[in-house]
Amino acid sequence: MATAFSLAQTILFSKTSLSIRTNGLRSFSFCLPFSSSSAASLSPDKLQSKKWRQPVASVLELGGVKIAKDDVLRDDPTNNVPDTIFAKLGMQLHRRDQHPIGILKNAIYEYFDTNYSNQFDKFDNLCPIVSVKENFDDVLVPADHVSRSYNDTYYVDAQTVLRCHTSAHQAELLRRGHTHFLVTGDVYRRDSIDSTHYPVFHQMEGVRVFSPSDWEASGTDGTTYVAGDLKKCLEGLARHLFGAVEMRWVDTYFPFTNPSFELEIFFQEKWLEVLGCGVTEQEILRRSGKTDNVAWAFGLGLERLAMVLFDIPDIRLFWSNDERFTSQFSSGQLGVKFKPFSKYPPCYKDVSFWINEAFTENNLCEVVREVAGDLAEEVQLIDNFTNKKGMTSHCYRIAYRSMERSLTDEEINKLQWNVRELVQSKLNVVLR
């Protein structure tokens, strides 16, 4: 939903379409069940029009989704998806019942099934490759919004992206007649590197549509009635996840809902933002053929809540296959506290360079991830200045640390050398 788009930025970073477009055609061809073949589903005409080629390891087969590499990493001037991001497509942590993300998703499902008699349709396997229209236009993201930039979003081509939010599926589901639904999925954003930021994370949004008959007997207008129902629903969800905690509502603004709210809880001696929500803008409903209805919607970041509920200190751990991590969690066991199995020492390396007008920190972080992957723990600007000639220098400190072993000096030095080379060649900066 639209709120999930803006709120995930707020609560997860503090700072989701049923089909994709290919050559102007709408198709499910590239997000297939695990047992299907992507190439087999394409007609000869499509194969020829796509100039099909079958590189080594061209298909990812993990977690129940099969996606052809050539349909993500394309020879297109607008494509900015790196191999490291493609490697995450299809892994679907939210569908693993013994993983913290899956455990949390199922706990939320339990709340809605119990309190709403299984009224909510659930979607957790929708294709993450969506059109720009689905990702932005359908949920009223302004044409000049920063989130549309290549600096913030992974573009497959000029009209196709990796979804930034599960809201990319909202309009299509509404048009198909769904009135109560939950959408969970992996979402993708170019972002900074630290313990709470990762370019792939997971969201859940909820939408409920009301008819005039639902609120007419209440003596209130539709917006007031729906807002009250929304708050009651989400207060119950917060108690279901966190127990008997103190809560407060904060009025806020989002272009997609009106009125809009944030829910905060007092947890572990501090106020924690849990989710964002609001009454859906009527324009979204009107475009979906629901002119007489009113709806509410909420959005939350699963990593954000799971880190709190399970005491997980680093967002990279969610992607770990180390049994010392994975063996600590069991299906249905919400809130089991993570026990650190070791703390290996970090190694800090600095890189300084004269920036240009096109430089962005997100581009730097993409280069670091391309080289070091999850060995990059943090990238932090530690110094900057502008000289008399108007040239600006930035110095970034990169923390390298494995969560599973000690890194050797040799491999750290090699990583740093490769980072320096790529920074210079890809970002067109002058090293100092």
Protein backbone atom coordinates (compact mmCIF):
# COMPACT_ATOMS: atom_id res chain seq x y z
CA MET A 1 0.00 0.00 0.00
CA ALA A 2 1.06 3.57 -0.41
CA THR A 3 1.63 4.07 3.28
CA ALA A 4 4.01 1.15 3.36
CA PHE A 5 6.15 2.96 0.82
CA SER A 6 6.61 6.11 2.86
CA LEU A 7 6.43 4.53 6.29
CA ALA A 8 9.05 1.91 5.69
CA GLN A 9 11.45 4.76 5.05
CA THR A 10 10.41 6.30 8.34
CA ILE A 11 10.34 3.31 10.66
CA LEU A 12 12.83 0.96 9.07
CA PHE A 13 15.42 3.40 7.85
CA SER A 14 14.70 6.32 10.18
CA LYS A 15 15.89 8.75 7.69
CA THR A 16 5.05 -4.27 -4.11
CA SER A 17 1.96 -5.84 -9.15
CA LEU A 18 0.77 -9.03 -10.31
CA SER A 19 2.59 -8.83 -13.64
CA ILE A 20 5.53 -7.22 -15.35
CA ARG A 21 6.09 -5.35 -18.57
CA THR A 22 8.33 -6.69 -21.29
CA ASN A 23 8.44 -5.09 -24.74
CA GLY A 24 5.08 -3.50 -24.01
CA LEU A 25 3.47 -6.84 -23.12
CA ARG A 26 2.17 -7.88 -19.73
CA SER A 27 3.32 -11.34 -18.68
CA PHE A 28 4.09 -13.60 -15.75
CA SER A 29 6.80 -15.33 -17.75
CA PHE A 30 9.71 -14.36 -15.57
CA CYS A 31 8.32 -15.14 -12.12
CA LEU A 32 7.37 -18.77 -12.31
CA PRO A 33 6.67 -21.60 -9.89
CA PHE A 34 9.77 -23.44 -8.83
CA SER A 35 9.08 -26.39 -11.10
CA SER A 36 8.53 -24.31 -14.24
CA SER A 37 11.00 -23.28 -16.91
CA SER A 38 11.32 -19.60 -17.78
CA ALA A 39 12.69 -20.24 -21.24
CA ALA A 40 10.01 -22.81 -22.04
CA SER A 41 7.25 -20.31 -21.25
CA LEU A 42 8.45 -17.85 -23.88
CA SER A 43 7.21 -18.07 -27.44
CA PRO A 44 9.73 -18.08 -30.32
CA ASP A 45 8.63 -14.55 -31.21
CA LYS A 46 9.37 -13.35 -27.70
CA LEU A 47 12.66 -15.16 -27.64
CA GLN A 48 13.67 -13.45 -30.84
CA SER A 49 12.45 -10.02 -29.78
CA LYS A 50 14.37 -10.31 -26.53
CA LYS A 51 17.53 -11.45 -28.33
CA TRP A 52 17.47 -14.30 -25.87
CA ARG A 53 20.72 -15.68 -24.59
CA GLN A 54 21.36 -18.28 -21.91
CA PRO A 55 24.44 -17.39 -19.87
CA VAL A 56 25.97 -19.59 -17.23
CA ALA A 57 23.89 -19.66 -14.01
CA SER A 58 21.18 -17.69 -15.77
CA VAL A 59 18.37 -18.89 -13.53
CA LEU A 60 17.99 -18.55 -9.81
CA GLU A 61 16.06 -21.38 -8.15
CA LEU A 62 15.67 -20.58 -4.48
CA GLY A 63 12.74 -20.22 -2.13
CA GLY A 64 10.06 -21.16 -4.65
CA VAL A 65 10.67 -18.45 -7.26
CA LYS A 66 12.51 -18.94 -10.51
CA ILE A 67 13.72 -15.79 -12.26
CA ALA A 68 15.85 -15.60 -15.37
CA LYS A 69 18.98 -13.55 -14.93
CA ASP A 70 18.65 -11.90 -18.34
CA ASP A 71 15.31 -10.45 -17.26
CA VAL A 72 16.91 -8.63 -14.35
CA LEU A 73 20.44 -7.83 -15.48
CA ARG A 74 19.77 -6.46 -18.94
CA ASP A 75 21.96 -4.72 -21.49
CA ASP A 76 19.98 -1.54 -21.07
CA PRO A 77 21.44 1.90 -20.37
CA THR A 78 18.96 2.43 -17.53
CA ASN A 79 19.67 -0.89 -15.80
CA ASN A 80 21.39 -0.41 -12.43
CA VAL A 81 20.78 -3.82 -10.82
CA PRO A 82 24.05 -5.46 -9.70
CA ASP A 83 24.72 -9.19 -9.43
CA THR A 84 24.62 -8.94 -5.64
CA ILE A 85 20.98 -7.87 -5.77
CA PHE A 86 20.00 -10.48 -8.36
CA ALA A 87 21.44 -13.11 -6.03
CA LYS A 88 18.79 -12.17 -3.44
CA LEU A 89 15.82 -12.45 -5.81
CA GLY A 90 13.72 -15.49 -5.02
CA MET A 91 15.18 -16.20 -1.60
CA GLN A 92 11.95 -15.17 0.13
CA LEU A 93 12.96 -15.16 3.78
CA HIS A 94 9.37 -14.30 4.67
CA ARG A 95 8.20 -17.75 3.47
CA ARG A 96 10.58 -19.68 5.73
CA ASP A 97 8.63 -20.72 8.82
CA GLN A 98 11.75 -21.16 10.99
CA HIS A 99 13.29 -17.84 10.04
CA PRO A 100 12.65 -14.73 12.20
CA ILE A 101 11.03 -12.91 9.26
CA GLY A 102 8.74 -15.87 8.52
CA ILE A 103 7.93 -16.36 12.20
CA LEU A 104 6.90 -12.70 12.49
CA LYS A 105 4.81 -12.86 9.30
CA ASN A 106 2.97 -15.93 10.60
CA ALA A 107 2.35 -14.25 13.96
CA ILE A 108 0.67 -11.34 12.16
CA TYR A 109 -1.33 -13.79 10.06
CA GLU A 110 -2.48 -15.48 13.27
CA TYR A 111 -3.77 -12.17 14.63
CA PHE A 112 -5.81 -11.39 11.53
CA ASP A 113 -7.13 -14.95 11.14
CA THR A 114 -8.26 -15.00 14.77
CA ASN A 115 -9.79 -11.55 14.94
CA TYR A 116 -11.27 -11.30 11.44
CA SER A 117 -12.46 -14.90 10.85
CA ASN A 118 -10.05 -15.48 7.95
CA GLN A 119 -11.50 -12.55 5.98
CA PHE A 120 -8.09 -11.32 4.81
CA ASP A 121 -6.66 -12.76 1.62
CA LYS A 122 -2.92 -13.32 1.89
CA PHE A 123 -0.33 -12.80 -0.82
CA ASP A 124 3.32 -13.57 -0.17
CA ASN A 125 4.61 -14.87 -3.51
CA LEU A 126 3.95 -11.99 -5.91
CA CYS A 127 6.65 -11.19 -8.44
CA PRO A 128 9.07 -8.45 -7.29
CA ILE A 129 9.61 -7.25 -10.88
CA VAL A 130 6.96 -4.61 -11.51
CA SER A 131 6.27 -1.70 -13.83
CA VAL A 132 7.06 1.90 -12.98
CA LYS A 133 3.33 2.59 -13.18
CA GLU A 134 2.55 -0.09 -10.62
CA ASN A 135 5.37 0.92 -8.29
CA PHE A 136 4.82 4.68 -8.39
CA ASP A 137 1.90 6.03 -10.43
CA ASP A 138 -0.79 3.68 -9.11
CA VAL A 139 -0.10 4.75 -5.53
CA LEU A 140 0.13 8.47 -6.34
CA VAL A 141 3.89 8.89 -5.94
CA PRO A 142 4.57 12.35 -7.44
CA ALA A 143 6.46 12.48 -10.72
CA ASP A 144 9.28 14.47 -9.12
CA HIS A 145 9.56 12.35 -5.96
CA VAL A 146 13.12 11.47 -5.00
CA SER A 147 12.26 7.77 -4.73
CA ARG A 148 11.90 7.58 -8.53
CA SER A 149 15.56 8.44 -9.08
CA TYR A 150 18.13 5.89 -10.22
CA ASN A 151 19.99 6.73 -7.07
CA ASP A 152 17.21 5.28 -4.91
CA THR A 153 15.51 2.59 -7.04
CA TYR A 154 16.77 -0.47 -8.93
CA TYR A 155 15.67 -0.15 -12.56
CA VAL A 156 15.53 -3.17 -14.87
CA ASP A 157 14.78 -0.80 -17.73
CA ALA A 158 13.12 2.60 -18.04
CA GLN A 159 9.64 1.12 -17.46
CA THR A 160 10.44 -1.74 -15.07
CA VAL A 161 11.82 -1.80 -11.53
CA LEU A 162 12.41 -4.10 -8.60
CA ARG A 163 9.55 -3.10 -6.32
CA CYS A 164 10.42 -0.54 -3.67
CA HIS A 165 7.40 -1.47 -1.58
CA THR A 166 4.62 -4.01 -1.40
CA SER A 167 2.25 -1.18 -2.34
CA ALA A 168 3.11 -1.91 -5.96
CA HIS A 169 0.43 -4.64 -5.85
CA GLN A 170 -2.33 -2.64 -4.19
CA ALA A 171 -4.09 -1.19 -7.24
CA GLU A 172 -4.18 -4.50 -9.11
CA LEU A 173 -5.59 -6.36 -6.11
CA LEU A 174 -8.25 -3.72 -5.63
CA ARG A 175 -9.19 -3.90 -9.33
CA ARG A 176 -9.48 -7.68 -9.02
CA GLY A 177 -12.09 -7.23 -6.31
CA HIS A 178 -10.12 -7.97 -3.17
CA THR A 179 -11.41 -5.93 -0.22
CA HIS A 180 -9.43 -7.41 2.68
CA PHE A 181 -5.83 -8.39 2.00
CA LEU A 182 -2.31 -8.66 3.36
CA VAL A 183 0.70 -8.47 1.03
CA THR A 184 4.14 -9.59 2.19
CA GLY A 185 7.29 -9.55 0.12
CA ASP A 186 10.91 -8.70 -0.41
CA VAL A 187 11.48 -5.11 -1.52
CA TYR A 188 14.54 -3.41 -2.97
CA ARG A 189 16.11 0.02 -2.48
CA ARG A 190 19.57 1.41 -3.03
CA ASP A 191 20.71 2.53 0.39
CA SER A 192 23.52 3.15 2.82
CA ILE A 193 25.52 0.48 4.66
CA ASP A 194 25.14 0.08 8.43
CA SER A 195 23.58 -2.27 10.98
CA THR A 196 19.97 -1.29 10.18
CA HIS A 197 20.15 -0.65 6.42
CA TYR A 198 20.20 -3.27 3.67
CA PRO A 199 19.26 -2.99 -0.02
CA VAL A 200 16.80 -5.88 0.34
CA PHE A 201 14.26 -6.05 3.14
CA HIS A 202 10.70 -7.24 3.72
CA GLN A 203 7.41 -5.42 4.11
CA MET A 204 3.84 -6.25 4.94
CA GLU A 205 0.90 -4.07 4.14
CA GLY A 206 -2.75 -4.50 4.94
CA VAL A 207 -5.81 -3.06 3.22
CA ARG A 208 -9.47 -3.19 4.25
CA VAL A 209 -12.27 -1.71 2.14
CA PHE A 210 -15.59 -0.61 3.68
CA SER A 211 -19.01 -0.09 2.08
CA PRO A 212 -21.52 2.60 3.16
CA SER A 213 -23.56 -0.04 4.95
CA ASP A 214 -20.62 -0.59 7.30
CA TRP A 215 -20.65 2.92 8.75
CA GLU A 216 -24.15 4.31 8.16
CA ALA A 217 -25.54 2.93 11.42
CA SER A 218 -22.66 4.43 13.41
CA GLY A 219 -23.87 8.00 13.05
CA THR A 220 -20.43 9.07 11.79
CA ASP A 221 -19.02 9.71 8.34
CA GLY A 222 -17.04 7.02 6.52
CA THR A 223 -13.63 8.54 7.14
CA THR A 224 -14.16 8.86 10.89
CA TYR A 225 -15.55 5.33 11.16
CA VAL A 226 -12.73 3.76 9.13
CA ALA A 227 -10.03 5.65 11.03
CA GLY A 228 -11.44 4.38 14.32
CA ASP A 229 -11.58 0.80 13.02
CA LEU A 230 -7.98 1.10 11.80
CA LYS A 231 -6.68 2.22 15.17
CA LYS A 232 -8.56 -0.52 17.00
CA CYS A 233 -7.15 -3.14 14.62
CA LEU A 234 -3.55 -1.99 14.91
CA GLU A 235 -3.60 -1.50 18.67
CA GLY A 236 -4.68 -5.14 18.88
CA LEU A 237 -1.86 -6.17 16.56
CA ALA A 238 0.69 -4.32 18.69
CA ARG A 239 -0.53 -6.08 21.84
CA HIS A 240 -0.41 -9.41 19.99
CA LEU A 241 3.25 -8.88 19.09
CA PHE A 242 4.60 -6.93 22.07
CA GLY A 243 2.25 -7.66 24.95
CA ALA A 244 0.54 -5.12 27.20
CA VAL A 245 2.54 -2.06 26.15
CA GLU A 246 1.78 1.62 26.37
CA MET A 247 0.86 3.11 22.97
CA ARG A 248 0.37 6.48 21.41
CA TRP A 249 -0.85 7.77 18.04
CA VAL A 250 1.00 10.50 16.20
CA ASP A 251 -0.69 12.49 13.45
CA THR A 252 1.47 12.70 10.36
CA TYR A 253 1.25 13.38 6.64
CA PHE A 254 1.51 11.06 3.67
CA PRO A 255 0.31 11.92 0.18
CA PHE A 256 -1.42 8.54 -0.10
CA THR A 257 -3.61 8.60 3.01
CA ASN A 258 -5.72 11.23 4.71
CA PRO A 259 -5.80 11.31 7.65
CA SER A 260 -2.48 9.60 8.35
CA PHE A 261 -1.05 8.22 11.59
CA GLU A 262 1.99 6.55 13.10
CA LEU A 263 1.68 4.09 15.97
CA GLU A 264 4.37 4.15 18.64
CA ILE A 265 4.78 1.80 21.60
CA PHE A 266 6.82 2.20 24.77
CA PHE A 267 9.06 -0.84 24.64
CA GLN A 268 12.35 -1.54 26.42
CA GLU A 269 12.33 1.91 28.02
CA LYS A 270 11.91 3.90 24.81
CA TRP A 271 9.28 4.89 22.28
CA LEU A 272 9.42 2.72 19.17
CA GLU A 273 7.72 3.50 15.87
CA VAL A 274 5.84 0.36 14.87
CA LEU A 275 4.02 1.22 11.67
CA GLY A 276 2.36 3.87 9.57
CA CYS A 277 -1.21 3.88 8.42
CA GLY A 278 -4.15 5.97 7.36
CA VAL A 279 -7.40 6.27 5.45
CA THR A 280 -6.66 5.57 1.79
CA GLU A 281 -6.86 8.54 -0.55
CA GLN A 282 -10.13 8.40 -2.49
CA GLU A 283 -8.30 8.78 -5.81
CA ILE A 284 -6.69 5.35 -5.37
CA LEU A 285 -10.11 3.78 -4.74
CA ARG A 286 -11.72 5.73 -7.59
CA ARG A 287 -9.16 4.45 -10.09
CA SER A 288 -9.94 0.92 -8.90
CA GLY A 289 -13.69 1.31 -9.48
CA LYS A 290 -14.60 1.77 -5.83
CA THR A 291 -16.12 5.25 -5.87
CA ASP A 292 -18.52 4.72 -2.95
CA ASN A 293 -16.07 3.00 -0.63
CA VAL A 294 -13.65 4.07 2.07
CA ALA A 295 -10.59 2.04 3.01
CA TRP A 296 -7.75 1.90 5.48
CA ALA A 297 -4.23 0.73 4.88
CA PHE A 298 -1.13 0.12 6.96
CA GLY A 299 2.49 -0.75 6.24
CA LEU A 300 5.32 -2.10 8.35
CA GLY A 301 8.91 -3.21 7.89
CA LEU A 302 9.42 -6.78 9.09
CA GLU A 303 13.16 -6.46 9.71
CA ARG A 304 12.62 -3.43 11.89
CA LEU A 305 10.21 -5.28 14.17
CA ALA A 306 12.08 -8.59 14.07
CA MET A 307 15.33 -6.93 15.16
CA VAL A 308 13.50 -5.63 18.24
CA LEU A 309 11.48 -8.76 19.02
CA PHE A 310 14.40 -11.19 18.58
CA ASP A 311 17.22 -8.89 19.76
CA ILE A 312 19.04 -9.21 16.43
CA PRO A 313 21.74 -6.51 16.35
CA ASP A 314 22.72 -6.50 12.66
CA ILE A 315 20.38 -6.66 9.68
CA ARG A 316 22.91 -8.76 7.73
CA LEU A 317 22.27 -11.66 10.10
CA PHE A 318 18.87 -12.27 8.50
CA TRP A 319 20.71 -13.50 5.41
CA SER A 320 23.12 -15.77 7.27
CA ASN A 321 23.13 -19.52 6.65
CA ASP A 322 25.36 -20.12 9.66
CA GLU A 323 23.73 -22.82 11.81
CA ARG A 324 24.75 -20.91 14.92
CA PHE A 325 22.19 -18.33 13.78
CA THR A 326 19.53 -20.40 12.02
CA SER A 327 19.33 -23.10 14.73
CA GLN A 328 18.22 -20.56 17.34
CA PHE A 329 14.76 -20.05 15.84
CA SER A 330 11.76 -22.37 15.55
CA SER A 331 8.40 -22.11 13.82
CA GLY A 332 5.81 -20.34 15.95
CA GLN A 333 8.32 -19.15 18.56
CA LEU A 334 7.95 -15.36 18.42
CA GLY A 335 10.41 -13.30 20.40
CA VAL A 336 13.11 -15.89 21.17
CA LYS A 337 16.12 -13.75 22.02
CA PHE A 338 19.11 -14.16 19.74
CA LYS A 339 22.31 -15.23 21.48
CA PRO A 340 25.43 -13.84 19.78
CA PHE A 341 27.71 -16.74 18.89
CA SER A 342 30.83 -14.60 18.46
CA LYS A 343 31.97 -11.08 17.82
CA TYR A 344 34.80 -10.96 15.36
CA PRO A 345 36.89 -7.78 15.23
CA PRO A 346 36.20 -5.19 12.54
CA CYS A 347 38.88 -3.78 10.28
CA TYR A 348 38.64 -0.14 9.24
CA LYS A 349 39.93 1.20 5.94
CA ASP A 350 39.63 4.76 4.66
CA VAL A 351 39.23 5.98 1.10
CA SER A 352 39.45 9.65 0.11
CA PHE A 353 38.65 11.25 -3.24
CA TRP A 354 37.59 14.46 -4.95
CA ILE A 355 33.90 14.12 -5.79
CA ASN A 356 32.06 15.33 -8.89
CA GLU A 357 28.55 16.71 -9.31
CA ALA A 358 27.15 13.26 -10.11
CA PHE A 359 28.54 11.61 -6.98
CA THR A 360 26.10 10.14 -4.46
CA GLU A 361 26.75 8.13 -1.35
CA ASN A 362 24.33 5.42 -2.49
CA ASN A 363 26.48 4.85 -5.58
CA LEU A 364 29.53 4.48 -3.38
CA CYS A 365 27.74 1.93 -1.21
CA GLU A 366 26.76 -0.06 -4.32
CA VAL A 367 30.43 -0.24 -5.31
CA VAL A 368 31.45 -1.38 -1.82
CA ARG A 369 28.72 -4.05 -1.79
CA GLU A 370 29.76 -5.20 -5.27
CA VAL A 371 33.26 -5.87 -3.98
CA ALA A 372 32.75 -6.91 -0.36
CA GLY A 373 29.16 -8.11 -0.21
CA ASP A 374 28.03 -8.68 3.38
CA LEU A 375 31.61 -8.30 4.64
CA ALA A 376 30.97 -4.56 4.48
CA GLU A 377 29.51 -3.64 7.85
CA GLU A 378 29.40 0.14 7.57
CA VAL A 379 30.36 2.99 5.26
CA GLN A 380 30.60 6.32 7.05
CA LEU A 381 31.60 9.79 5.92
CA ILE A 382 34.23 10.93 8.41
CA ASP A 383 35.62 14.06 6.75
CA ASN A 384 34.90 16.49 3.93
CA PHE A 385 36.19 19.86 2.85
CA THR A 386 36.21 22.20 -0.13
CA ASN A 387 39.49 23.77 -1.29
CA LYS A 388 40.10 27.21 -2.72
CA LYS A 389 39.50 25.90 -6.25
CA GLY A 390 36.01 24.79 -5.27
CA MET A 391 36.85 21.08 -5.33
CA THR A 392 35.21 18.98 -2.61
CA SER A 393 36.91 16.02 -0.97
CA HIS A 394 35.16 13.22 0.90
CA CYS A 395 36.78 10.66 3.15
CA TYR A 396 34.82 7.51 3.93
CA ARG A 397 35.66 4.91 6.54
CA ILE A 398 34.71 1.35 5.58
CA ALA A 399 34.28 -1.24 8.32
CA TYR A 400 34.87 -4.79 7.15
CA ARG A 401 33.66 -7.56 9.44
CA SER A 402 32.46 -11.11 8.97
CA MET A 403 29.73 -12.38 11.28
CA GLU A 404 31.11 -15.92 11.00
CA ARG A 405 34.93 -15.74 11.05
CA SER A 406 37.97 -13.51 11.43
CA LEU A 407 39.12 -11.82 8.24
CA THR A 408 42.77 -11.96 7.27
CA ASP A 409 44.86 -8.89 6.51
CA GLU A 410 45.47 -10.22 3.00
CA GLU A 411 41.79 -10.46 2.06
CA ILE A 412 40.92 -7.12 3.65
CA ASN A 413 43.70 -5.37 1.76
CA LYS A 414 42.54 -7.01 -1.48
CA LEU A 415 38.97 -5.89 -0.86
CA GLN A 416 40.07 -2.34 -0.18
CA TRP A 417 42.28 -2.24 -3.27
CA ASN A 418 39.38 -3.44 -5.43
CA VAL A 419 37.07 -0.88 -3.85
CA ARG A 420 39.52 1.91 -4.66
CA GLU A 421 39.82 0.78 -8.29
CA LEU A 422 36.07 0.52 -8.80
CA VAL A 423 35.37 3.82 -7.05
CA GLN A 424 37.73 5.53 -9.46
CA SER A 425 36.51 3.79 -12.62
CA LYS A 426 32.77 3.59 -11.93
CA LEU A 427 32.20 6.85 -10.07
CA ASN A 428 34.67 8.95 -12.06
CA VAL A 429 36.22 10.47 -8.96
CA VAL A 430 39.86 11.35 -8.34
CA LEU A 431 41.46 9.39 -5.53
CA ARG A 432 43.57 11.25 -3.01
